[in-house]
């Protein structure tokens, strides 16, 4: 019985990544252009308005680690650069261009999106089960702005009680313009929160 449980969990982990990215791309109304790394690379706004802990950097950070501390996004921008066809370098930069933090994210390309491999956490104990993942896909729209699609999914089973929560984020981040003094914050197109 115990081995069967572990096989089911392993199967879910192995098969959920592809279907999660398909789910993301089906939930948006935004129209991405064909994926071109030369368009994807560049500098993007990081500020998301009044909350200094919302922004592109903090949306991408859970793909590296669920336990990383979030960075203040005011007066910063995010620089994206493809190191190779499967590695995206993300830099958090000050307005002067100074690198504040850096991370590298692995992923795979589709015709329209770069799908970042989600960080998956699983804690399978006898009476406690926790599964968490956050598939993310990025692309560009016709204006060169960055489209970010992300699902934050948590499934917890504790002593017979079960909880499932999922949040879908569909955001657009504008290109960063150093000459613009008061840049427009990101636009959130849709956010869906489901809790049981």
N, C-alpha and C. Protein backbone atom coordinates (compact mmCIF):
# COMPACT_ATOMS: atom_id res chain seq x y z
N UNK A 1 0.83 -1.20 0.00
CA UNK A 1 0.00 0.00 0.00
C UNK A 1 0.87 1.26 0.00
N UNK A 2 1.91 1.22 0.83
CA UNK A 2 2.81 2.38 0.91
C UNK A 2 3.51 2.63 -0.42
N UNK A 3 3.96 1.55 -1.07
CA UNK A 3 4.62 1.69 -2.37
C UNK A 3 3.67 2.20 -3.44
N UNK A 4 2.43 1.78 -3.37
CA UNK A 4 1.43 2.26 -4.33
C UNK A 4 1.22 3.77 -4.18
N UNK A 5 1.16 4.24 -2.94
CA UNK A 5 1.01 5.67 -2.68
C UNK A 5 2.17 6.45 -3.29
N UNK A 6 3.40 5.99 -3.09
CA UNK A 6 4.57 6.68 -3.64
C UNK A 6 4.58 6.64 -5.17
N UNK A 7 4.12 5.54 -5.75
CA UNK A 7 4.05 5.46 -7.21
C UNK A 7 3.03 6.45 -7.77
N UNK A 8 1.89 6.61 -7.09
CA UNK A 8 0.88 7.56 -7.53
C UNK A 8 1.42 8.98 -7.44
N UNK A 9 2.10 9.31 -6.34
CA UNK A 9 2.68 10.65 -6.17
C UNK A 9 3.73 10.90 -7.25
N UNK A 10 4.60 9.95 -7.50
CA UNK A 10 5.62 10.09 -8.52
C UNK A 10 5.00 10.27 -9.90
N UNK A 11 3.94 9.53 -10.20
CA UNK A 11 3.24 9.68 -11.48
C UNK A 11 2.65 11.08 -11.63
N UNK A 12 2.04 11.59 -10.57
CA UNK A 12 1.47 12.94 -10.61
C UNK A 12 2.53 13.99 -10.88
N UNK A 13 3.67 13.84 -10.24
CA UNK A 13 4.75 14.81 -10.43
C UNK A 13 5.27 14.76 -11.85
N UNK A 14 5.46 13.57 -12.38
CA UNK A 14 6.05 13.41 -13.71
C UNK A 14 5.10 13.89 -14.82
N UNK A 15 3.80 13.75 -14.63
CA UNK A 15 2.88 14.07 -15.71
C UNK A 15 2.23 15.44 -15.57
N UNK A 16 2.39 16.09 -14.43
CA UNK A 16 1.65 17.33 -14.21
C UNK A 16 2.28 18.54 -14.88
N UNK A 17 3.56 18.54 -15.15
CA UNK A 17 4.22 19.74 -15.68
C UNK A 17 3.69 20.14 -17.04
N UNK A 18 3.61 19.21 -17.98
CA UNK A 18 3.13 19.53 -19.32
C UNK A 18 1.68 19.96 -19.32
N UNK A 19 0.85 19.25 -18.59
CA UNK A 19 -0.56 19.61 -18.56
C UNK A 19 -0.78 20.94 -17.87
N UNK A 20 0.05 21.30 -16.90
CA UNK A 20 -0.08 22.58 -16.22
C UNK A 20 0.20 23.73 -17.16
N UNK A 21 1.22 23.60 -18.00
CA UNK A 21 1.53 24.66 -18.95
C UNK A 21 0.43 24.79 -20.01
N UNK A 22 -0.16 23.66 -20.42
CA UNK A 22 -1.28 23.72 -21.36
C UNK A 22 -2.46 24.43 -20.72
N UNK A 23 -2.72 24.16 -19.43
CA UNK A 23 -3.79 24.82 -18.71
C UNK A 23 -3.56 26.33 -18.68
N UNK A 24 -2.33 26.75 -18.42
CA UNK A 24 -2.02 28.18 -18.36
C UNK A 24 -2.35 28.88 -19.67
N UNK A 25 -1.87 28.32 -20.76
CA UNK A 25 -2.04 28.99 -22.04
C UNK A 25 -3.50 28.98 -22.51
N UNK A 26 -4.32 28.08 -21.99
CA UNK A 26 -5.73 28.05 -22.35
C UNK A 26 -6.55 29.03 -21.53
N UNK A 27 -6.02 29.53 -20.42
CA UNK A 27 -6.77 30.40 -19.52
C UNK A 27 -6.65 31.88 -19.86
N UNK A 28 -5.76 32.26 -20.74
CA UNK A 28 -5.54 33.67 -21.03
C UNK A 28 -6.28 34.12 -22.28
N UNK A 29 -6.58 35.40 -22.32
CA UNK A 29 -7.18 35.99 -23.52
C UNK A 29 -6.13 36.78 -24.29
N UNK A 30 -4.93 36.89 -23.76
CA UNK A 30 -3.86 37.65 -24.41
C UNK A 30 -3.36 36.89 -25.64
N UNK A 31 -2.90 37.64 -26.62
CA UNK A 31 -2.42 37.06 -27.86
C UNK A 31 -0.91 37.23 -27.97
N UNK A 32 -0.14 36.19 -27.64
CA UNK A 32 1.32 36.32 -27.77
C UNK A 32 1.74 36.20 -29.23
N UNK A 33 2.89 36.78 -29.53
CA UNK A 33 3.48 36.61 -30.86
C UNK A 33 4.37 35.37 -30.82
N UNK A 34 4.79 34.91 -31.97
CA UNK A 34 5.66 33.74 -32.02
C UNK A 34 6.91 34.00 -31.18
N UNK A 35 7.33 32.99 -30.42
CA UNK A 35 8.46 33.13 -29.51
C UNK A 35 9.74 33.43 -30.28
N UNK A 36 10.37 34.54 -29.94
CA UNK A 36 11.64 34.95 -30.53
C UNK A 36 12.51 35.44 -29.38
N UNK A 37 13.62 34.74 -29.14
CA UNK A 37 14.46 35.08 -27.99
C UNK A 37 15.01 36.50 -28.07
N UNK A 38 15.22 37.02 -29.28
CA UNK A 38 15.74 38.39 -29.39
C UNK A 38 14.70 39.42 -28.93
N UNK A 39 13.41 39.09 -29.04
CA UNK A 39 12.36 39.98 -28.54
C UNK A 39 12.15 39.75 -27.04
N UNK A 40 12.22 38.51 -26.61
CA UNK A 40 12.02 38.17 -25.20
C UNK A 40 13.10 38.80 -24.32
N UNK A 41 14.33 38.80 -24.79
CA UNK A 41 15.42 39.40 -24.02
C UNK A 41 15.22 40.91 -23.92
N UNK A 42 15.53 41.44 -22.77
CA UNK A 42 15.41 42.88 -22.60
C UNK A 42 15.09 43.25 -21.17
N UNK A 43 14.79 44.52 -20.96
CA UNK A 43 14.49 45.05 -19.64
C UNK A 43 13.00 45.32 -19.52
N UNK A 44 12.42 44.92 -18.37
CA UNK A 44 10.99 45.06 -18.14
C UNK A 44 10.73 45.74 -16.81
N UNK A 45 9.59 46.45 -16.74
CA UNK A 45 9.17 47.09 -15.50
C UNK A 45 9.02 46.03 -14.42
N UNK A 46 9.35 46.40 -13.20
CA UNK A 46 9.22 45.47 -12.07
C UNK A 46 8.19 45.98 -11.08
N UNK A 47 7.95 47.25 -11.06
CA UNK A 47 7.05 47.88 -10.10
C UNK A 47 5.60 47.51 -10.42
N UNK A 48 4.85 47.11 -9.40
CA UNK A 48 3.45 46.75 -9.61
C UNK A 48 2.51 47.67 -8.85
N UNK A 49 2.91 48.91 -8.67
CA UNK A 49 2.02 49.88 -8.03
C UNK A 49 2.33 50.07 -6.56
N UNK A 50 1.27 50.12 -5.75
CA UNK A 50 1.40 50.49 -4.34
C UNK A 50 2.11 49.43 -3.49
N UNK A 51 1.97 48.16 -3.82
CA UNK A 51 2.59 47.11 -3.01
C UNK A 51 4.01 46.88 -3.50
N UNK A 52 4.98 47.18 -2.64
CA UNK A 52 6.38 47.08 -3.04
C UNK A 52 6.86 45.64 -3.18
N UNK A 53 6.07 44.66 -2.77
CA UNK A 53 6.48 43.27 -2.90
C UNK A 53 5.75 42.53 -4.01
N UNK A 54 5.06 43.26 -4.87
CA UNK A 54 4.48 42.68 -6.07
C UNK A 54 5.33 43.12 -7.25
N UNK A 55 5.50 42.26 -8.21
CA UNK A 55 6.26 42.63 -9.39
C UNK A 55 6.80 41.42 -10.10
N UNK A 56 7.42 41.66 -11.23
CA UNK A 56 7.94 40.59 -12.07
C UNK A 56 8.96 39.73 -11.35
N UNK A 57 9.91 40.35 -10.64
CA UNK A 57 10.94 39.57 -9.93
C UNK A 57 10.30 38.60 -8.94
N UNK A 58 9.36 39.09 -8.16
CA UNK A 58 8.72 38.24 -7.15
C UNK A 58 7.76 37.23 -7.76
N UNK A 59 7.28 37.47 -8.98
CA UNK A 59 6.48 36.46 -9.68
C UNK A 59 7.35 35.32 -10.18
N UNK A 60 8.58 35.63 -10.59
CA UNK A 60 9.49 34.60 -11.09
C UNK A 60 10.26 33.88 -9.98
N UNK A 61 10.41 34.52 -8.83
CA UNK A 61 11.22 33.97 -7.74
C UNK A 61 10.77 32.59 -7.25
N UNK A 62 9.47 32.29 -7.12
CA UNK A 62 9.08 30.95 -6.65
C UNK A 62 9.52 29.82 -7.58
N UNK A 63 9.86 30.13 -8.84
CA UNK A 63 10.35 29.10 -9.74
C UNK A 63 11.76 28.66 -9.36
N UNK A 64 12.47 29.47 -8.62
CA UNK A 64 13.81 29.12 -8.15
C UNK A 64 13.72 28.43 -6.80
N UNK A 65 12.93 28.99 -5.89
CA UNK A 65 12.78 28.41 -4.56
C UNK A 65 11.52 28.95 -3.91
N UNK A 66 10.75 28.08 -3.28
CA UNK A 66 9.54 28.52 -2.58
C UNK A 66 9.87 29.26 -1.29
N UNK A 67 11.11 29.14 -0.81
CA UNK A 67 11.45 29.73 0.48
C UNK A 67 12.39 30.93 0.36
N UNK A 68 12.58 31.45 -0.84
CA UNK A 68 13.41 32.64 -1.00
C UNK A 68 12.66 33.87 -0.49
N UNK A 69 13.42 34.80 0.07
CA UNK A 69 12.77 36.01 0.56
C UNK A 69 12.45 36.92 -0.62
N UNK A 70 11.31 37.57 -0.55
CA UNK A 70 10.88 38.46 -1.61
C UNK A 70 11.63 39.77 -1.51
N UNK A 71 11.90 40.38 -2.65
CA UNK A 71 12.63 41.65 -2.70
C UNK A 71 11.66 42.80 -2.95
N UNK A 72 11.98 43.95 -2.40
CA UNK A 72 11.20 45.15 -2.69
C UNK A 72 11.40 45.51 -4.16
N UNK A 73 10.31 45.83 -4.84
CA UNK A 73 10.39 46.04 -6.29
C UNK A 73 10.35 47.50 -6.69
N UNK A 74 10.19 48.41 -5.73
CA UNK A 74 10.15 49.83 -6.07
C UNK A 74 11.51 50.28 -6.61
N UNK A 75 11.48 51.09 -7.64
CA UNK A 75 12.69 51.64 -8.25
C UNK A 75 13.66 50.55 -8.72
N UNK A 76 13.12 49.50 -9.33
CA UNK A 76 13.96 48.45 -9.91
C UNK A 76 13.34 48.04 -11.25
N UNK A 77 14.14 47.33 -12.02
CA UNK A 77 13.62 46.71 -13.24
C UNK A 77 14.23 45.32 -13.35
N UNK A 78 13.67 44.50 -14.22
CA UNK A 78 14.13 43.12 -14.41
C UNK A 78 14.68 42.98 -15.82
N UNK A 79 15.87 42.39 -15.90
CA UNK A 79 16.52 42.15 -17.19
C UNK A 79 16.48 40.64 -17.47
N UNK A 80 16.00 40.27 -18.66
CA UNK A 80 15.94 38.87 -19.07
C UNK A 80 16.94 38.63 -20.19
N UNK A 81 17.66 37.52 -20.08
CA UNK A 81 18.63 37.16 -21.12
C UNK A 81 18.65 35.64 -21.24
N UNK A 82 18.58 35.16 -22.47
CA UNK A 82 18.67 33.72 -22.72
C UNK A 82 20.13 33.32 -22.78
N UNK A 83 20.55 32.41 -21.89
CA UNK A 83 21.93 31.92 -21.91
C UNK A 83 22.09 30.82 -22.94
N UNK A 84 21.07 30.00 -23.10
CA UNK A 84 20.98 29.01 -24.16
C UNK A 84 19.49 28.74 -24.37
N UNK A 85 19.14 27.76 -25.17
CA UNK A 85 17.73 27.55 -25.50
C UNK A 85 16.89 27.05 -24.33
N UNK A 86 17.53 26.63 -23.24
CA UNK A 86 16.79 26.11 -22.09
C UNK A 86 17.06 26.85 -20.79
N UNK A 87 17.86 27.92 -20.81
CA UNK A 87 18.22 28.64 -19.59
C UNK A 87 17.97 30.13 -19.74
N UNK A 88 17.16 30.67 -18.84
CA UNK A 88 16.84 32.09 -18.82
C UNK A 88 17.52 32.72 -17.60
N UNK A 89 18.33 33.75 -17.86
CA UNK A 89 18.96 34.49 -16.77
C UNK A 89 18.08 35.69 -16.44
N UNK A 90 17.76 35.84 -15.16
CA UNK A 90 16.91 36.94 -14.69
C UNK A 90 17.72 37.77 -13.71
N UNK A 91 17.80 39.08 -13.96
CA UNK A 91 18.54 39.98 -13.08
C UNK A 91 17.60 41.05 -12.54
N UNK A 92 17.71 41.32 -11.25
CA UNK A 92 17.03 42.44 -10.62
C UNK A 92 18.01 43.59 -10.61
N UNK A 93 17.65 44.72 -11.21
CA UNK A 93 18.59 45.83 -11.38
C UNK A 93 18.02 47.13 -10.81
N UNK A 94 18.94 47.99 -10.35
CA UNK A 94 18.56 49.33 -9.90
C UNK A 94 18.39 50.22 -11.13
N UNK A 95 17.78 51.40 -10.99
CA UNK A 95 17.62 52.30 -12.15
C UNK A 95 18.94 52.69 -12.80
N UNK A 96 20.03 52.64 -12.04
CA UNK A 96 21.36 52.96 -12.59
C UNK A 96 21.96 51.79 -13.36
N UNK A 97 21.29 50.63 -13.37
CA UNK A 97 21.80 49.47 -14.09
C UNK A 97 22.62 48.52 -13.23
N UNK A 98 22.72 48.79 -11.95
CA UNK A 98 23.49 47.93 -11.04
C UNK A 98 22.71 46.66 -10.74
N UNK A 99 23.37 45.50 -10.86
CA UNK A 99 22.72 44.23 -10.57
C UNK A 99 22.57 44.07 -9.06
N UNK A 100 21.32 43.84 -8.61
CA UNK A 100 21.05 43.64 -7.19
C UNK A 100 20.97 42.15 -6.85
N UNK A 101 20.33 41.37 -7.71
CA UNK A 101 20.22 39.92 -7.53
C UNK A 101 20.15 39.27 -8.90
N UNK A 102 20.44 37.95 -8.92
CA UNK A 102 20.41 37.20 -10.18
C UNK A 102 19.95 35.77 -9.91
N UNK A 103 19.23 35.21 -10.88
CA UNK A 103 18.87 33.80 -10.81
C UNK A 103 18.79 33.26 -12.24
N UNK A 104 18.94 31.96 -12.35
CA UNK A 104 18.81 31.29 -13.64
C UNK A 104 17.66 30.29 -13.54
N UNK A 105 16.80 30.31 -14.55
CA UNK A 105 15.64 29.45 -14.58
C UNK A 105 15.70 28.55 -15.81
N UNK A 106 15.44 27.28 -15.62
CA UNK A 106 15.42 26.31 -16.72
C UNK A 106 14.02 26.23 -17.28
N UNK A 107 13.93 25.92 -18.56
CA UNK A 107 12.62 25.81 -19.19
C UNK A 107 12.71 25.24 -20.59
N UNK A 108 11.56 25.21 -21.24
CA UNK A 108 11.45 24.70 -22.60
C UNK A 108 10.61 25.66 -23.43
N UNK A 109 10.93 25.74 -24.70
CA UNK A 109 10.21 26.64 -25.60
C UNK A 109 9.10 25.90 -26.32
N UNK A 110 8.01 26.61 -26.54
CA UNK A 110 6.93 26.17 -27.42
C UNK A 110 6.83 27.24 -28.51
N UNK A 111 5.96 27.09 -29.49
CA UNK A 111 5.92 28.11 -30.54
C UNK A 111 5.65 29.54 -30.03
N UNK A 112 4.93 29.68 -28.91
CA UNK A 112 4.58 31.02 -28.44
C UNK A 112 5.12 31.35 -27.05
N UNK A 113 5.41 30.35 -26.23
CA UNK A 113 5.78 30.59 -24.82
C UNK A 113 7.11 29.94 -24.47
N UNK A 114 7.80 30.55 -23.50
CA UNK A 114 8.91 29.90 -22.83
C UNK A 114 8.35 29.41 -21.51
N UNK A 115 8.23 28.09 -21.36
CA UNK A 115 7.66 27.48 -20.17
C UNK A 115 8.76 27.22 -19.16
N UNK A 116 8.71 27.92 -18.04
CA UNK A 116 9.70 27.76 -16.98
C UNK A 116 9.35 26.51 -16.18
N UNK A 117 10.35 25.68 -15.95
CA UNK A 117 10.10 24.46 -15.19
C UNK A 117 9.68 24.83 -13.77
N UNK A 118 8.53 24.31 -13.33
CA UNK A 118 8.04 24.70 -12.01
C UNK A 118 8.83 24.03 -10.89
N UNK A 119 8.94 24.74 -9.80
CA UNK A 119 9.51 24.17 -8.58
C UNK A 119 8.37 23.41 -7.91
N UNK A 120 8.58 22.13 -7.66
CA UNK A 120 7.56 21.28 -7.05
C UNK A 120 8.04 20.85 -5.68
N UNK A 121 7.17 20.98 -4.70
CA UNK A 121 7.47 20.51 -3.35
C UNK A 121 6.47 19.43 -2.98
N UNK A 122 6.97 18.33 -2.46
CA UNK A 122 6.11 17.24 -2.02
C UNK A 122 6.59 16.79 -0.65
N UNK A 123 5.65 16.68 0.28
CA UNK A 123 5.94 16.13 1.60
C UNK A 123 4.95 14.99 1.82
N UNK A 124 5.32 13.75 1.45
CA UNK A 124 4.41 12.62 1.62
C UNK A 124 4.73 11.84 2.91
N UNK A 125 4.01 12.13 3.96
CA UNK A 125 4.15 11.39 5.20
C UNK A 125 2.87 10.57 5.41
N UNK A 126 2.84 9.76 6.43
CA UNK A 126 1.72 8.86 6.64
C UNK A 126 0.39 9.61 6.79
N UNK A 127 0.31 10.58 7.66
CA UNK A 127 -0.94 11.31 7.90
C UNK A 127 -0.90 12.74 7.39
N UNK A 128 0.22 13.12 6.78
CA UNK A 128 0.37 14.48 6.26
C UNK A 128 0.87 14.39 4.82
N UNK A 129 0.20 15.12 3.94
CA UNK A 129 0.62 15.16 2.54
C UNK A 129 0.51 16.61 2.08
N UNK A 130 1.59 17.14 1.51
CA UNK A 130 1.58 18.50 0.98
C UNK A 130 2.23 18.48 -0.39
N UNK A 131 1.54 19.06 -1.36
CA UNK A 131 2.04 19.14 -2.73
C UNK A 131 1.85 20.57 -3.20
N UNK A 132 2.91 21.18 -3.71
CA UNK A 132 2.86 22.57 -4.15
C UNK A 132 3.65 22.72 -5.43
N UNK A 133 3.11 23.49 -6.37
CA UNK A 133 3.83 23.77 -7.61
C UNK A 133 3.36 25.10 -8.17
N UNK A 134 4.14 25.66 -9.07
CA UNK A 134 3.78 26.94 -9.69
C UNK A 134 4.28 27.00 -11.13
N UNK A 135 3.58 26.36 -12.06
CA UNK A 135 4.00 26.46 -13.46
C UNK A 135 3.90 27.90 -13.96
N UNK A 136 4.88 28.31 -14.75
CA UNK A 136 4.95 29.68 -15.26
C UNK A 136 5.31 29.65 -16.74
N UNK A 137 4.65 30.51 -17.51
CA UNK A 137 4.97 30.66 -18.93
C UNK A 137 5.10 32.15 -19.22
N UNK A 138 6.08 32.51 -20.04
CA UNK A 138 6.26 33.91 -20.44
C UNK A 138 6.32 34.01 -21.96
N UNK A 139 5.90 35.16 -22.47
CA UNK A 139 5.90 35.42 -23.91
C UNK A 139 5.86 36.94 -24.11
N UNK A 140 5.85 37.36 -25.34
CA UNK A 140 5.71 38.78 -25.66
C UNK A 140 4.43 39.00 -26.44
N UNK A 141 3.81 40.19 -26.22
CA UNK A 141 2.67 40.56 -27.03
C UNK A 141 3.15 41.32 -28.26
N UNK A 142 2.24 41.80 -29.06
CA UNK A 142 2.59 42.50 -30.31
C UNK A 142 3.36 43.79 -30.05
N UNK A 143 3.23 44.38 -28.86
CA UNK A 143 3.94 45.62 -28.52
C UNK A 143 5.29 45.37 -27.86
N UNK A 144 5.67 44.11 -27.70
CA UNK A 144 6.95 43.79 -27.08
C UNK A 144 6.89 43.70 -25.57
N UNK A 145 5.71 43.89 -24.98
CA UNK A 145 5.56 43.76 -23.53
C UNK A 145 5.59 42.29 -23.14
N UNK A 146 5.94 42.03 -21.89
CA UNK A 146 6.07 40.66 -21.40
C UNK A 146 4.74 40.18 -20.85
N UNK A 147 4.30 39.02 -21.33
CA UNK A 147 3.11 38.36 -20.80
C UNK A 147 3.59 37.29 -19.83
N UNK A 148 3.07 37.29 -18.61
CA UNK A 148 3.41 36.28 -17.61
C UNK A 148 2.14 35.56 -17.20
N UNK A 149 2.15 34.24 -17.34
CA UNK A 149 1.04 33.39 -16.90
C UNK A 149 1.57 32.47 -15.82
N UNK A 150 0.86 32.40 -14.70
CA UNK A 150 1.36 31.58 -13.59
C UNK A 150 0.19 31.03 -12.78
N UNK A 151 0.35 29.80 -12.32
CA UNK A 151 -0.61 29.18 -11.42
C UNK A 151 0.12 28.82 -10.14
N UNK A 152 -0.45 29.19 -9.01
CA UNK A 152 0.10 28.83 -7.71
C UNK A 152 -0.86 27.81 -7.11
N UNK A 153 -0.41 26.56 -7.00
CA UNK A 153 -1.28 25.45 -6.61
C UNK A 153 -0.74 24.80 -5.34
N UNK A 154 -1.61 24.61 -4.36
CA UNK A 154 -1.27 23.92 -3.11
C UNK A 154 -2.34 22.89 -2.80
N UNK A 155 -1.91 21.69 -2.44
CA UNK A 155 -2.82 20.62 -2.04
C UNK A 155 -2.30 20.06 -0.72
N UNK A 156 -3.11 20.14 0.31
CA UNK A 156 -2.71 19.69 1.64
C UNK A 156 -3.71 18.67 2.16
N UNK A 157 -3.18 17.61 2.73
CA UNK A 157 -4.00 16.58 3.37
C UNK A 157 -3.41 16.37 4.75
N UNK A 158 -4.18 16.68 5.79
CA UNK A 158 -3.68 16.61 7.16
C UNK A 158 -4.70 15.91 8.04
N UNK A 159 -4.35 14.73 8.50
CA UNK A 159 -5.19 13.97 9.42
C UNK A 159 -6.63 13.84 8.94
N UNK A 160 -6.81 13.54 7.67
CA UNK A 160 -8.14 13.34 7.11
C UNK A 160 -8.80 14.59 6.57
N UNK A 161 -8.22 15.76 6.81
CA UNK A 161 -8.76 17.01 6.28
C UNK A 161 -7.99 17.39 5.02
N UNK A 162 -8.71 17.83 4.01
CA UNK A 162 -8.07 18.15 2.73
C UNK A 162 -8.35 19.60 2.35
N UNK A 163 -7.33 20.25 1.81
CA UNK A 163 -7.45 21.63 1.36
C UNK A 163 -6.74 21.77 0.02
N UNK A 164 -7.41 22.38 -0.94
CA UNK A 164 -6.83 22.64 -2.25
C UNK A 164 -7.03 24.12 -2.56
N UNK A 165 -5.94 24.80 -2.94
CA UNK A 165 -6.08 26.19 -3.35
C UNK A 165 -5.27 26.41 -4.62
N UNK A 166 -5.82 27.23 -5.50
CA UNK A 166 -5.13 27.55 -6.75
C UNK A 166 -5.41 29.00 -7.10
N UNK A 167 -4.37 29.69 -7.53
CA UNK A 167 -4.51 31.07 -7.97
C UNK A 167 -3.86 31.20 -9.34
N UNK A 168 -4.57 31.81 -10.27
CA UNK A 168 -4.06 32.01 -11.62
C UNK A 168 -3.72 33.48 -11.81
N UNK A 169 -2.52 33.75 -12.30
CA UNK A 169 -2.06 35.12 -12.54
C UNK A 169 -1.83 35.28 -14.04
N UNK A 170 -2.40 36.33 -14.60
CA UNK A 170 -2.24 36.68 -16.00
C UNK A 170 -1.84 38.16 -16.01
N UNK A 171 -0.56 38.44 -16.16
CA UNK A 171 -0.07 39.82 -16.03
C UNK A 171 0.73 40.23 -17.25
N UNK A 172 0.77 41.55 -17.48
CA UNK A 172 1.57 42.13 -18.56
C UNK A 172 2.52 43.14 -17.95
N UNK A 173 3.81 43.01 -18.27
CA UNK A 173 4.83 43.95 -17.80
C UNK A 173 5.39 44.70 -19.00
N UNK A 174 5.39 46.03 -18.90
CA UNK A 174 5.85 46.88 -19.99
C UNK A 174 7.38 46.85 -20.08
N UNK A 175 7.89 47.19 -21.25
CA UNK A 175 9.33 47.37 -21.42
C UNK A 175 9.79 48.50 -20.52
N UNK A 176 10.99 48.37 -19.98
CA UNK A 176 11.54 49.39 -19.09
C UNK A 176 12.15 50.51 -19.92
N UNK A 177 11.78 51.72 -19.60
CA UNK A 177 12.30 52.90 -20.28
C UNK A 177 12.97 53.78 -19.23
N UNK A 178 14.29 53.89 -19.28
CA UNK A 178 15.04 54.65 -18.28
C UNK A 178 14.68 56.13 -18.29
N UNK A 179 14.21 56.65 -19.41
CA UNK A 179 13.91 58.07 -19.51
C UNK A 179 12.55 58.42 -18.92
N UNK A 180 11.71 57.44 -18.73
CA UNK A 180 10.38 57.68 -18.20
C UNK A 180 10.44 57.78 -16.67
N UNK A 181 10.01 58.90 -16.10
CA UNK A 181 10.15 59.12 -14.65
C UNK A 181 9.12 58.35 -13.84
N UNK A 182 7.88 58.30 -14.27
CA UNK A 182 6.83 57.60 -13.55
C UNK A 182 6.26 56.51 -14.45
N UNK A 183 6.92 55.33 -14.50
CA UNK A 183 6.44 54.28 -15.39
C UNK A 183 5.09 53.73 -14.92
N UNK A 184 4.34 53.24 -15.90
CA UNK A 184 3.06 52.63 -15.58
C UNK A 184 3.32 51.28 -14.93
N UNK A 185 2.56 50.93 -13.88
CA UNK A 185 2.74 49.62 -13.27
C UNK A 185 2.19 48.53 -14.17
N UNK A 186 2.48 47.28 -13.81
CA UNK A 186 1.99 46.16 -14.59
C UNK A 186 0.47 46.16 -14.59
N UNK A 187 -0.09 45.53 -15.59
CA UNK A 187 -1.53 45.40 -15.68
C UNK A 187 -1.88 43.95 -15.40
N UNK A 188 -2.74 43.73 -14.44
CA UNK A 188 -3.22 42.38 -14.17
C UNK A 188 -4.49 42.19 -14.96
N UNK A 189 -4.45 41.25 -15.89
CA UNK A 189 -5.60 41.02 -16.77
C UNK A 189 -6.67 40.19 -16.05
N UNK A 190 -6.25 39.19 -15.29
CA UNK A 190 -7.21 38.30 -14.66
C UNK A 190 -6.54 37.58 -13.51
N UNK A 191 -7.26 37.40 -12.45
CA UNK A 191 -6.75 36.64 -11.32
C UNK A 191 -7.91 35.83 -10.77
N UNK A 192 -7.72 34.54 -10.64
CA UNK A 192 -8.77 33.65 -10.18
C UNK A 192 -8.25 32.92 -8.96
N UNK A 193 -8.98 32.96 -7.87
CA UNK A 193 -8.58 32.30 -6.64
C UNK A 193 -9.63 31.27 -6.30
N UNK A 194 -9.21 30.02 -6.14
CA UNK A 194 -10.11 28.93 -5.81
C UNK A 194 -9.64 28.31 -4.52
N UNK A 195 -10.52 28.20 -3.55
CA UNK A 195 -10.17 27.56 -2.28
C UNK A 195 -11.26 26.60 -1.90
N UNK A 196 -10.87 25.45 -1.41
CA UNK A 196 -11.82 24.46 -0.89
C UNK A 196 -11.61 24.30 0.59
